[in-house]
């Protein structure tokens, strides 16, 4: 059974850096390997630079697994390997699931939504099968203005609901703002 720590915050709130600090501390205390589960898919030069800066600040000893959608399957693949599993991030994962087989002619309906939340449930279920600690990095997008287009509103709602489900199951929950963590749970 794993321990789950969730960090949520806005853009550039310091959540990834804080997650990396937790992972490094736990790895040293527990003598376990760190597996960095990256959900990002690079779509432009600016985002490529963001990914590069994340890569450069991680220790070379950490294992990076790039998987945009099937994080549940990745975790299940490590069920016999105790470790620290840092998943960065939930918001990108939500977008990847939302647009998988659904671009450029985007459509959304109840069947797609049901399939989406089955994947969220599968991620939660995969935690029970592994040993160690899962650290989730999640974007808080619901505090901003209402997006002007339908896809933006769908993403905001899916991301918010996903964060709620994950937070309910997490053992610890932190809100990051201005680089300062506030423990909520």
N, C-alpha and C. Protein backbone atom coordinates (compact mmCIF):
# COMPACT_ATOMS: atom_id res chain seq x y z
N UNK A 1 0.85 -1.18 0.00
CA UNK A 1 0.00 0.00 0.00
C UNK A 1 0.89 1.24 0.00
N UNK A 2 0.57 2.16 -0.83
CA UNK A 2 1.38 3.37 -0.95
C UNK A 2 0.82 4.51 -0.10
N UNK A 3 1.69 5.47 0.16
CA UNK A 3 1.29 6.73 0.76
C UNK A 3 1.17 7.71 -0.40
N UNK A 4 0.15 8.56 -0.39
CA UNK A 4 -0.07 9.51 -1.48
C UNK A 4 -0.01 10.93 -0.93
N UNK A 5 0.85 11.73 -1.54
CA UNK A 5 1.00 13.14 -1.20
C UNK A 5 0.61 13.94 -2.44
N UNK A 6 -0.31 14.87 -2.29
CA UNK A 6 -0.77 15.68 -3.42
C UNK A 6 -0.43 17.14 -3.18
N UNK A 7 0.14 17.76 -4.21
CA UNK A 7 0.49 19.18 -4.18
C UNK A 7 -0.32 19.85 -5.27
N UNK A 8 -1.03 20.90 -4.92
CA UNK A 8 -1.86 21.61 -5.89
C UNK A 8 -1.55 23.10 -5.80
N UNK A 9 -1.53 23.74 -6.97
CA UNK A 9 -1.27 25.17 -7.00
C UNK A 9 -1.40 25.68 -8.42
N UNK A 10 -1.32 26.98 -8.55
CA UNK A 10 -1.40 27.61 -9.85
C UNK A 10 -0.09 27.52 -10.61
N UNK A 11 -0.06 28.10 -11.79
CA UNK A 11 1.15 28.13 -12.61
C UNK A 11 2.26 28.84 -11.86
N UNK A 12 3.44 28.24 -11.91
CA UNK A 12 4.65 28.82 -11.29
C UNK A 12 4.49 29.08 -9.79
N UNK A 13 3.68 28.24 -9.15
CA UNK A 13 3.46 28.39 -7.71
C UNK A 13 4.55 27.72 -6.88
N UNK A 14 5.41 26.92 -7.52
CA UNK A 14 6.46 26.21 -6.82
C UNK A 14 6.14 24.77 -6.50
N UNK A 15 5.03 24.27 -7.05
CA UNK A 15 4.59 22.91 -6.70
C UNK A 15 5.55 21.83 -7.19
N UNK A 16 6.07 21.96 -8.40
CA UNK A 16 7.00 20.94 -8.91
C UNK A 16 8.30 20.93 -8.12
N UNK A 17 8.85 22.10 -7.85
CA UNK A 17 10.10 22.17 -7.08
C UNK A 17 9.90 21.59 -5.68
N UNK A 18 8.76 21.88 -5.06
CA UNK A 18 8.49 21.35 -3.73
C UNK A 18 8.30 19.83 -3.78
N UNK A 19 7.64 19.34 -4.81
CA UNK A 19 7.48 17.89 -4.99
C UNK A 19 8.84 17.21 -5.12
N UNK A 20 9.73 17.85 -5.85
CA UNK A 20 11.08 17.29 -6.03
C UNK A 20 11.84 17.28 -4.70
N UNK A 21 11.66 18.31 -3.88
CA UNK A 21 12.30 18.34 -2.56
C UNK A 21 11.79 17.20 -1.69
N UNK A 22 10.48 16.99 -1.71
CA UNK A 22 9.89 15.89 -0.93
C UNK A 22 10.45 14.56 -1.43
N UNK A 23 10.47 14.37 -2.73
CA UNK A 23 10.96 13.11 -3.31
C UNK A 23 12.41 12.86 -2.91
N UNK A 24 13.26 13.88 -2.99
CA UNK A 24 14.67 13.72 -2.63
C UNK A 24 14.83 13.37 -1.15
N UNK A 25 14.05 14.05 -0.30
CA UNK A 25 14.12 13.78 1.14
C UNK A 25 13.68 12.35 1.45
N UNK A 26 12.56 11.94 0.86
CA UNK A 26 12.05 10.59 1.11
C UNK A 26 13.00 9.52 0.57
N UNK A 27 13.57 9.78 -0.59
CA UNK A 27 14.51 8.82 -1.18
C UNK A 27 15.71 8.61 -0.26
N UNK A 28 16.21 9.69 0.31
CA UNK A 28 17.34 9.60 1.23
C UNK A 28 16.94 8.88 2.52
N UNK A 29 15.76 9.19 3.05
CA UNK A 29 15.31 8.58 4.30
C UNK A 29 14.99 7.10 4.13
N UNK A 30 14.34 6.76 3.03
CA UNK A 30 13.86 5.39 2.81
C UNK A 30 14.84 4.53 2.03
N UNK A 31 15.84 5.16 1.42
CA UNK A 31 16.78 4.41 0.59
C UNK A 31 16.13 3.85 -0.66
N UNK A 32 15.15 4.59 -1.19
CA UNK A 32 14.42 4.13 -2.37
C UNK A 32 14.75 4.98 -3.60
N UNK A 33 14.54 4.39 -4.76
CA UNK A 33 14.73 5.07 -6.04
C UNK A 33 13.56 6.02 -6.29
N UNK A 34 13.83 7.07 -7.05
CA UNK A 34 12.79 8.01 -7.45
C UNK A 34 12.48 7.78 -8.92
N UNK A 35 11.19 7.65 -9.20
CA UNK A 35 10.68 7.50 -10.57
C UNK A 35 9.85 8.72 -10.89
N UNK A 36 10.32 9.50 -11.84
CA UNK A 36 9.65 10.73 -12.23
C UNK A 36 8.74 10.40 -13.41
N UNK A 37 7.44 10.45 -13.20
CA UNK A 37 6.45 10.10 -14.22
C UNK A 37 5.99 11.39 -14.89
N UNK A 38 6.51 11.62 -16.08
CA UNK A 38 6.26 12.87 -16.80
C UNK A 38 5.11 12.69 -17.78
N UNK A 39 4.10 13.55 -17.67
CA UNK A 39 2.94 13.44 -18.56
C UNK A 39 2.98 14.40 -19.74
N UNK A 40 3.97 15.29 -19.77
CA UNK A 40 4.00 16.34 -20.78
C UNK A 40 4.24 15.80 -22.19
N UNK A 41 3.55 16.39 -23.13
CA UNK A 41 3.84 16.22 -24.54
C UNK A 41 4.22 17.61 -25.05
N UNK A 42 5.31 17.70 -25.75
CA UNK A 42 5.83 19.00 -26.18
C UNK A 42 5.15 19.43 -27.46
N UNK A 43 4.52 20.62 -27.42
CA UNK A 43 3.80 21.11 -28.59
C UNK A 43 4.37 22.40 -29.15
N UNK A 44 5.28 23.06 -28.43
CA UNK A 44 5.92 24.26 -28.99
C UNK A 44 7.25 24.51 -28.29
N UNK A 45 8.01 25.47 -28.79
CA UNK A 45 9.35 25.75 -28.27
C UNK A 45 9.33 26.22 -26.82
N UNK A 46 8.36 27.05 -26.47
CA UNK A 46 8.28 27.56 -25.11
C UNK A 46 8.04 26.42 -24.12
N UNK A 47 7.15 25.49 -24.47
CA UNK A 47 6.89 24.37 -23.57
C UNK A 47 8.09 23.44 -23.52
N UNK A 48 8.79 23.29 -24.62
CA UNK A 48 10.01 22.47 -24.64
C UNK A 48 11.03 23.03 -23.64
N UNK A 49 11.13 24.36 -23.55
CA UNK A 49 12.05 24.98 -22.61
C UNK A 49 11.62 24.72 -21.16
N UNK A 50 10.32 24.73 -20.91
CA UNK A 50 9.83 24.41 -19.55
C UNK A 50 10.22 22.99 -19.17
N UNK A 51 10.00 22.07 -20.09
CA UNK A 51 10.35 20.67 -19.83
C UNK A 51 11.85 20.55 -19.58
N UNK A 52 12.64 21.23 -20.39
CA UNK A 52 14.10 21.17 -20.23
C UNK A 52 14.53 21.68 -18.86
N UNK A 53 13.92 22.77 -18.39
CA UNK A 53 14.29 23.30 -17.07
C UNK A 53 13.93 22.32 -15.95
N UNK A 54 12.83 21.61 -16.11
CA UNK A 54 12.47 20.57 -15.13
C UNK A 54 13.50 19.45 -15.16
N UNK A 55 13.88 19.03 -16.35
CA UNK A 55 14.86 17.94 -16.49
C UNK A 55 16.20 18.31 -15.88
N UNK A 56 16.63 19.54 -16.10
CA UNK A 56 17.95 19.97 -15.64
C UNK A 56 18.05 20.08 -14.12
N UNK A 57 16.96 20.32 -13.44
CA UNK A 57 17.07 20.45 -11.98
C UNK A 57 16.88 19.12 -11.26
N UNK A 58 16.50 18.06 -12.00
CA UNK A 58 16.35 16.74 -11.37
C UNK A 58 17.70 16.04 -11.27
N UNK A 59 17.92 15.30 -10.19
CA UNK A 59 19.15 14.51 -10.08
C UNK A 59 19.25 13.48 -11.21
N UNK A 60 20.45 13.26 -11.67
CA UNK A 60 20.68 12.29 -12.76
C UNK A 60 20.32 10.87 -12.35
N UNK A 61 20.31 10.60 -11.04
CA UNK A 61 20.01 9.24 -10.56
C UNK A 61 18.52 8.90 -10.62
N UNK A 62 17.67 9.91 -10.82
CA UNK A 62 16.24 9.64 -10.89
C UNK A 62 15.90 9.00 -12.23
N UNK A 63 14.91 8.12 -12.20
CA UNK A 63 14.44 7.45 -13.42
C UNK A 63 13.26 8.24 -13.99
N UNK A 64 13.35 8.61 -15.24
CA UNK A 64 12.26 9.35 -15.87
C UNK A 64 11.47 8.41 -16.77
N UNK A 65 10.16 8.43 -16.58
CA UNK A 65 9.25 7.65 -17.43
C UNK A 65 8.28 8.65 -18.05
N UNK A 66 8.31 8.75 -19.37
CA UNK A 66 7.41 9.66 -20.08
C UNK A 66 6.19 8.90 -20.53
N UNK A 67 5.05 9.29 -20.01
CA UNK A 67 3.79 8.63 -20.35
C UNK A 67 2.66 9.65 -20.27
N UNK A 68 2.09 10.02 -21.40
CA UNK A 68 1.06 11.06 -21.39
C UNK A 68 -0.31 10.64 -20.89
N UNK A 69 -0.65 9.35 -20.93
CA UNK A 69 -2.02 8.95 -20.58
C UNK A 69 -2.12 7.79 -19.60
N UNK A 70 -1.31 6.78 -19.76
CA UNK A 70 -1.51 5.53 -19.03
C UNK A 70 -0.64 5.42 -17.78
N UNK A 71 -0.74 6.40 -16.92
CA UNK A 71 0.04 6.42 -15.68
C UNK A 71 -0.35 5.24 -14.78
N UNK A 72 -1.61 4.87 -14.80
CA UNK A 72 -2.06 3.72 -14.01
C UNK A 72 -1.29 2.47 -14.40
N UNK A 73 -1.11 2.24 -15.69
CA UNK A 73 -0.39 1.07 -16.17
C UNK A 73 1.09 1.14 -15.79
N UNK A 74 1.67 2.33 -15.85
CA UNK A 74 3.06 2.51 -15.44
C UNK A 74 3.22 2.13 -13.97
N UNK A 75 2.36 2.67 -13.12
CA UNK A 75 2.44 2.35 -11.69
C UNK A 75 2.29 0.86 -11.44
N UNK A 76 1.36 0.24 -12.12
CA UNK A 76 1.16 -1.20 -11.94
C UNK A 76 2.38 -2.00 -12.38
N UNK A 77 3.11 -1.48 -13.35
CA UNK A 77 4.34 -2.13 -13.79
C UNK A 77 5.43 -2.13 -12.73
N UNK A 78 5.32 -1.25 -11.75
CA UNK A 78 6.30 -1.15 -10.66
C UNK A 78 5.78 -1.73 -9.35
N UNK A 79 4.73 -2.50 -9.40
CA UNK A 79 4.09 -2.96 -8.16
C UNK A 79 5.02 -3.75 -7.25
N UNK A 80 6.06 -4.36 -7.78
CA UNK A 80 7.01 -5.11 -6.95
C UNK A 80 8.23 -4.28 -6.57
N UNK A 81 8.28 -3.03 -7.01
CA UNK A 81 9.45 -2.18 -6.80
C UNK A 81 9.11 -1.03 -5.85
N UNK A 82 9.47 -1.15 -4.56
CA UNK A 82 9.24 -0.01 -3.67
C UNK A 82 9.98 1.22 -4.18
N UNK A 83 9.33 2.36 -4.12
CA UNK A 83 9.98 3.56 -4.61
C UNK A 83 9.19 4.81 -4.31
N UNK A 84 9.74 5.92 -4.80
CA UNK A 84 9.09 7.22 -4.72
C UNK A 84 8.65 7.52 -6.15
N UNK A 85 7.35 7.71 -6.37
CA UNK A 85 6.79 7.92 -7.71
C UNK A 85 6.22 9.32 -7.79
N UNK A 86 6.92 10.21 -8.49
CA UNK A 86 6.52 11.61 -8.60
C UNK A 86 5.82 11.80 -9.94
N UNK A 87 4.54 12.07 -9.90
CA UNK A 87 3.73 12.25 -11.10
C UNK A 87 3.54 13.74 -11.36
N UNK A 88 4.15 14.24 -12.43
CA UNK A 88 4.07 15.67 -12.76
C UNK A 88 3.68 15.79 -14.22
N UNK A 89 2.45 16.18 -14.54
CA UNK A 89 1.46 16.60 -13.63
C UNK A 89 0.06 16.18 -14.08
N UNK A 90 -0.81 16.36 -13.15
CA UNK A 90 -2.21 15.97 -13.32
C UNK A 90 -2.92 16.82 -14.38
N UNK A 91 -2.69 18.13 -14.39
CA UNK A 91 -3.36 18.99 -15.39
C UNK A 91 -3.03 18.61 -16.81
N UNK A 92 -1.76 18.31 -17.06
CA UNK A 92 -1.35 17.89 -18.41
C UNK A 92 -1.96 16.54 -18.74
N UNK A 93 -2.01 15.65 -17.76
CA UNK A 93 -2.62 14.34 -17.95
C UNK A 93 -4.10 14.48 -18.30
N UNK A 94 -4.79 15.38 -17.60
CA UNK A 94 -6.21 15.63 -17.90
C UNK A 94 -6.37 16.09 -19.35
N UNK A 95 -5.55 17.03 -19.78
CA UNK A 95 -5.62 17.52 -21.16
C UNK A 95 -5.30 16.40 -22.15
N UNK A 96 -4.31 15.57 -21.84
CA UNK A 96 -3.96 14.47 -22.74
C UNK A 96 -5.12 13.49 -22.89
N UNK A 97 -5.79 13.18 -21.79
CA UNK A 97 -6.95 12.28 -21.86
C UNK A 97 -8.10 12.94 -22.61
N UNK A 98 -8.28 14.21 -22.39
CA UNK A 98 -9.38 14.96 -23.02
C UNK A 98 -9.23 14.99 -24.54
N UNK A 99 -7.99 15.13 -25.01
CA UNK A 99 -7.76 15.28 -26.45
C UNK A 99 -7.34 13.99 -27.15
N UNK A 100 -7.09 12.93 -26.41
CA UNK A 100 -6.69 11.68 -27.05
C UNK A 100 -7.80 11.20 -27.99
N UNK A 101 -7.45 10.94 -29.22
CA UNK A 101 -8.42 10.54 -30.26
C UNK A 101 -9.56 11.55 -30.39
N UNK A 102 -9.29 12.80 -30.07
CA UNK A 102 -10.35 13.80 -30.06
C UNK A 102 -9.83 15.15 -30.56
N UNK A 103 -8.91 15.08 -31.52
CA UNK A 103 -8.30 16.31 -32.05
C UNK A 103 -7.96 16.09 -33.52
N UNK A 104 -8.17 17.00 -34.41
CA UNK A 104 -8.54 18.39 -34.20
C UNK A 104 -10.05 18.62 -34.15
N UNK A 105 -10.83 17.61 -34.47
CA UNK A 105 -12.29 17.76 -34.44
C UNK A 105 -12.80 17.38 -33.06
N UNK A 106 -12.65 18.31 -32.12
CA UNK A 106 -12.99 18.06 -30.73
C UNK A 106 -14.50 17.93 -30.53
N UNK A 107 -14.88 16.94 -29.73
CA UNK A 107 -16.26 16.81 -29.29
C UNK A 107 -16.25 16.21 -27.89
N UNK A 108 -17.26 16.54 -27.12
CA UNK A 108 -17.35 16.02 -25.75
C UNK A 108 -18.78 15.63 -25.48
N UNK A 109 -18.96 14.47 -24.85
CA UNK A 109 -20.29 14.01 -24.49
C UNK A 109 -20.20 13.15 -23.23
N UNK A 110 -21.33 12.65 -22.79
CA UNK A 110 -21.36 11.87 -21.55
C UNK A 110 -20.55 10.58 -21.65
N UNK A 111 -20.52 9.96 -22.82
CA UNK A 111 -19.74 8.72 -22.99
C UNK A 111 -18.25 9.00 -22.82
N UNK A 112 -17.77 10.10 -23.41
CA UNK A 112 -16.35 10.47 -23.25
C UNK A 112 -16.05 10.82 -21.79
N UNK A 113 -16.98 11.51 -21.16
CA UNK A 113 -16.78 11.88 -19.76
C UNK A 113 -16.73 10.65 -18.87
N UNK A 114 -17.59 9.68 -19.13
CA UNK A 114 -17.58 8.44 -18.35
C UNK A 114 -16.24 7.71 -18.53
N UNK A 115 -15.77 7.63 -19.76
CA UNK A 115 -14.48 6.99 -20.05
C UNK A 115 -13.34 7.74 -19.34
N UNK A 116 -13.42 9.06 -19.34
CA UNK A 116 -12.40 9.87 -18.67
C UNK A 116 -12.35 9.53 -17.18
N UNK A 117 -13.48 9.52 -16.51
CA UNK A 117 -13.49 9.28 -15.07
C UNK A 117 -13.19 7.83 -14.71
N UNK A 118 -13.38 6.90 -15.64
CA UNK A 118 -12.91 5.52 -15.42
C UNK A 118 -11.39 5.50 -15.35
N UNK A 119 -10.75 6.33 -16.17
CA UNK A 119 -9.30 6.42 -16.16
C UNK A 119 -8.81 7.05 -14.85
N UNK A 120 -9.52 8.04 -14.35
CA UNK A 120 -9.17 8.64 -13.06
C UNK A 120 -9.29 7.58 -11.96
N UNK A 121 -10.37 6.81 -11.98
CA UNK A 121 -10.57 5.75 -10.99
C UNK A 121 -9.45 4.70 -11.08
N UNK A 122 -9.04 4.39 -12.30
CA UNK A 122 -7.98 3.42 -12.50
C UNK A 122 -6.66 3.91 -11.92
N UNK A 123 -6.39 5.20 -12.05
CA UNK A 123 -5.18 5.76 -11.44
C UNK A 123 -5.24 5.60 -9.93
N UNK A 124 -6.36 5.95 -9.33
CA UNK A 124 -6.52 5.82 -7.88
C UNK A 124 -6.35 4.36 -7.46
N UNK A 125 -6.96 3.44 -8.20
CA UNK A 125 -6.85 2.02 -7.87
C UNK A 125 -5.42 1.51 -7.97
N UNK A 126 -4.65 2.07 -8.89
CA UNK A 126 -3.27 1.60 -9.07
C UNK A 126 -2.40 1.91 -7.86
N UNK A 127 -2.75 2.93 -7.08
CA UNK A 127 -1.96 3.26 -5.89
C UNK A 127 -1.92 2.12 -4.90
N UNK A 128 -3.02 1.42 -4.77
CA UNK A 128 -3.10 0.35 -3.78
C UNK A 128 -2.17 -0.81 -4.10
N UNK A 129 -1.78 -0.93 -5.35
CA UNK A 129 -0.97 -2.07 -5.78
C UNK A 129 0.53 -1.85 -5.62
N UNK A 130 0.94 -0.63 -5.36
CA UNK A 130 2.38 -0.37 -5.31
C UNK A 130 2.85 -0.13 -3.88
N UNK A 131 4.17 -0.19 -3.71
CA UNK A 131 4.80 0.03 -2.41
C UNK A 131 5.60 1.31 -2.51
N UNK A 132 5.51 2.14 -1.50
CA UNK A 132 6.28 3.37 -1.50
C UNK A 132 5.38 4.58 -1.39
N UNK A 133 5.81 5.66 -2.06
CA UNK A 133 5.10 6.93 -1.98
C UNK A 133 4.80 7.45 -3.37
N UNK A 134 3.58 7.92 -3.56
CA UNK A 134 3.18 8.58 -4.80
C UNK A 134 3.03 10.06 -4.47
N UNK A 135 3.69 10.90 -5.27
CA UNK A 135 3.59 12.34 -5.12
C UNK A 135 2.93 12.89 -6.37
N UNK A 136 1.80 13.54 -6.21
CA UNK A 136 1.05 14.10 -7.33
C UNK A 136 1.23 15.60 -7.39
N UNK A 137 1.49 16.13 -8.58
CA UNK A 137 1.58 17.56 -8.80
C UNK A 137 0.37 17.95 -9.65
N UNK A 138 -0.49 18.80 -9.11
CA UNK A 138 -1.75 19.12 -9.79
C UNK A 138 -1.93 20.62 -9.95
N UNK A 139 -2.50 21.00 -11.07
CA UNK A 139 -2.76 22.41 -11.35
C UNK A 139 -4.12 22.82 -10.80
N UNK A 140 -4.14 23.98 -10.16
CA UNK A 140 -5.41 24.59 -9.74
C UNK A 140 -5.75 25.64 -10.78
N UNK A 141 -6.78 25.38 -11.57
CA UNK A 141 -7.15 26.33 -12.62
C UNK A 141 -8.52 26.96 -12.36
N UNK A 142 -9.18 26.55 -11.31
CA UNK A 142 -10.53 27.03 -11.04
C UNK A 142 -10.62 28.37 -10.33
N UNK A 143 -9.49 28.96 -9.98
CA UNK A 143 -9.51 30.23 -9.28
C UNK A 143 -9.44 31.42 -10.23
N UNK A 144 -9.26 31.15 -11.50
CA UNK A 144 -9.10 32.21 -12.49
C UNK A 144 -10.46 32.55 -13.12
N UNK A 145 -10.41 33.34 -14.17
CA UNK A 145 -11.64 33.72 -14.87
C UNK A 145 -12.23 32.51 -15.58
N UNK A 146 -13.50 32.58 -15.90
CA UNK A 146 -14.16 31.52 -16.65
C UNK A 146 -13.63 31.56 -18.09
N UNK A 147 -13.11 30.42 -18.60
CA UNK A 147 -12.61 30.43 -19.97
C UNK A 147 -13.69 30.84 -20.96
N UNK A 148 -13.28 31.53 -22.01
CA UNK A 148 -14.26 32.04 -22.97
C UNK A 148 -14.75 30.98 -23.95
N UNK A 149 -14.01 29.86 -24.08
CA UNK A 149 -14.48 28.85 -25.04
C UNK A 149 -14.86 27.55 -24.33
N UNK A 150 -15.64 26.76 -25.03
CA UNK A 150 -16.19 25.53 -24.45
C UNK A 150 -15.10 24.55 -24.04
N UNK A 151 -14.08 24.37 -24.88
CA UNK A 151 -13.02 23.42 -24.54
C UNK A 151 -12.30 23.83 -23.27
N UNK A 152 -12.06 25.12 -23.11
CA UNK A 152 -11.42 25.62 -21.89
C UNK A 152 -12.27 25.36 -20.67
N UNK A 153 -13.58 25.54 -20.80
CA UNK A 153 -14.47 25.28 -19.66
C UNK A 153 -14.54 23.79 -19.35
N UNK A 154 -14.56 22.95 -20.38
CA UNK A 154 -14.57 21.50 -20.15
C UNK A 154 -13.30 21.10 -19.42
N UNK A 155 -12.14 21.60 -19.88
CA UNK A 155 -10.88 21.28 -19.21
C UNK A 155 -10.90 21.74 -17.75
N UNK A 156 -11.31 22.98 -17.51
CA UNK A 156 -11.35 23.51 -16.15
C UNK A 156 -12.20 22.61 -15.26
N UNK A 157 -13.36 22.20 -15.74
CA UNK A 157 -14.26 21.37 -14.94
C UNK A 157 -13.69 19.98 -14.70
N UNK A 158 -13.15 19.35 -15.75
CA UNK A 158 -12.56 18.01 -15.59
C UNK A 158 -11.37 18.05 -14.64
N UNK A 159 -10.54 19.07 -14.80
CA UNK A 159 -9.37 19.21 -13.94
C UNK A 159 -9.79 19.41 -12.48
N UNK A 160 -10.78 20.25 -12.26
CA UNK A 160 -11.26 20.49 -10.90
C UNK A 160 -11.86 19.25 -10.27
N UNK A 161 -12.67 18.52 -11.02
CA UNK A 161 -13.27 17.30 -10.49
C UNK A 161 -12.21 16.24 -10.23
N UNK A 162 -11.24 16.13 -11.14
CA UNK A 162 -10.15 15.17 -10.95
C UNK A 162 -9.37 15.51 -9.69
N UNK A 163 -9.04 16.77 -9.50
CA UNK A 163 -8.32 17.18 -8.29
C UNK A 163 -9.11 16.82 -7.04
N UNK A 164 -10.43 17.00 -7.08
CA UNK A 164 -11.25 16.64 -5.92
C UNK A 164 -11.15 15.15 -5.61
N UNK A 165 -11.31 14.32 -6.64
CA UNK A 165 -11.25 12.87 -6.43
C UNK A 165 -9.90 12.43 -5.90
N UNK A 166 -8.83 12.97 -6.49
CA UNK A 166 -7.48 12.59 -6.07
C UNK A 166 -7.21 13.08 -4.64
N UNK A 167 -7.61 14.30 -4.35
CA UNK A 167 -7.37 14.87 -3.02
C UNK A 167 -8.11 14.08 -1.94
N UNK A 168 -9.30 13.60 -2.24
CA UNK A 168 -10.06 12.81 -1.27
C UNK A 168 -9.32 11.53 -0.90
N UNK A 169 -8.59 10.99 -1.85
CA UNK A 169 -7.87 9.73 -1.63
C UNK A 169 -6.45 9.92 -1.10
N UNK A 170 -5.92 11.13 -1.22
CA UNK A 170 -4.54 11.40 -0.79
C UNK A 170 -4.43 11.37 0.73
N UNK A 171 -3.27 10.97 1.20
CA UNK A 171 -2.99 10.97 2.63
C UNK A 171 -2.62 12.37 3.12
N UNK A 172 -1.88 13.10 2.28
CA UNK A 172 -1.49 14.46 2.60
C UNK A 172 -1.83 15.34 1.41
N UNK A 173 -2.23 16.58 1.69
CA UNK A 173 -2.59 17.53 0.64
C UNK A 173 -2.01 18.90 0.98
N UNK A 174 -1.29 19.48 0.02
CA UNK A 174 -0.69 20.79 0.20
C UNK A 174 -1.15 21.72 -0.91
N UNK A 175 -1.43 22.97 -0.54
CA UNK A 175 -1.70 24.03 -1.50
C UNK A 175 -0.44 24.88 -1.54
N UNK A 176 0.07 25.12 -2.75
CA UNK A 176 1.24 25.98 -2.90
C UNK A 176 0.85 27.29 -3.52
N UNK A 177 1.33 28.35 -2.90
CA UNK A 177 1.13 29.68 -3.46
C UNK A 177 2.39 30.49 -3.16
N UNK A 178 2.88 31.17 -4.18
CA UNK A 178 4.10 31.98 -4.04
C UNK A 178 5.27 31.17 -3.49
N UNK A 179 5.30 29.87 -3.82
CA UNK A 179 6.38 29.00 -3.36
C UNK A 179 6.25 28.51 -1.93
N UNK A 180 5.16 28.87 -1.28
CA UNK A 180 4.95 28.49 0.13
C UNK A 180 3.89 27.39 0.20
N UNK A 181 4.23 26.25 0.83
CA UNK A 181 3.24 25.18 0.97
C UNK A 181 2.38 25.39 2.21
N UNK A 182 1.11 25.12 2.06
CA UNK A 182 0.16 25.15 3.17
C UNK A 182 -0.49 23.78 3.24
N UNK A 183 -0.28 23.07 4.34
CA UNK A 183 -0.86 21.73 4.45
C UNK A 183 -2.33 21.83 4.75
N UNK A 184 -3.16 21.20 3.89
CA UNK A 184 -4.61 21.19 4.05
C UNK A 184 -5.10 19.88 4.67
N UNK A 185 -4.33 18.84 4.49
CA UNK A 185 -4.74 17.52 4.97
C UNK A 185 -3.49 16.74 5.35
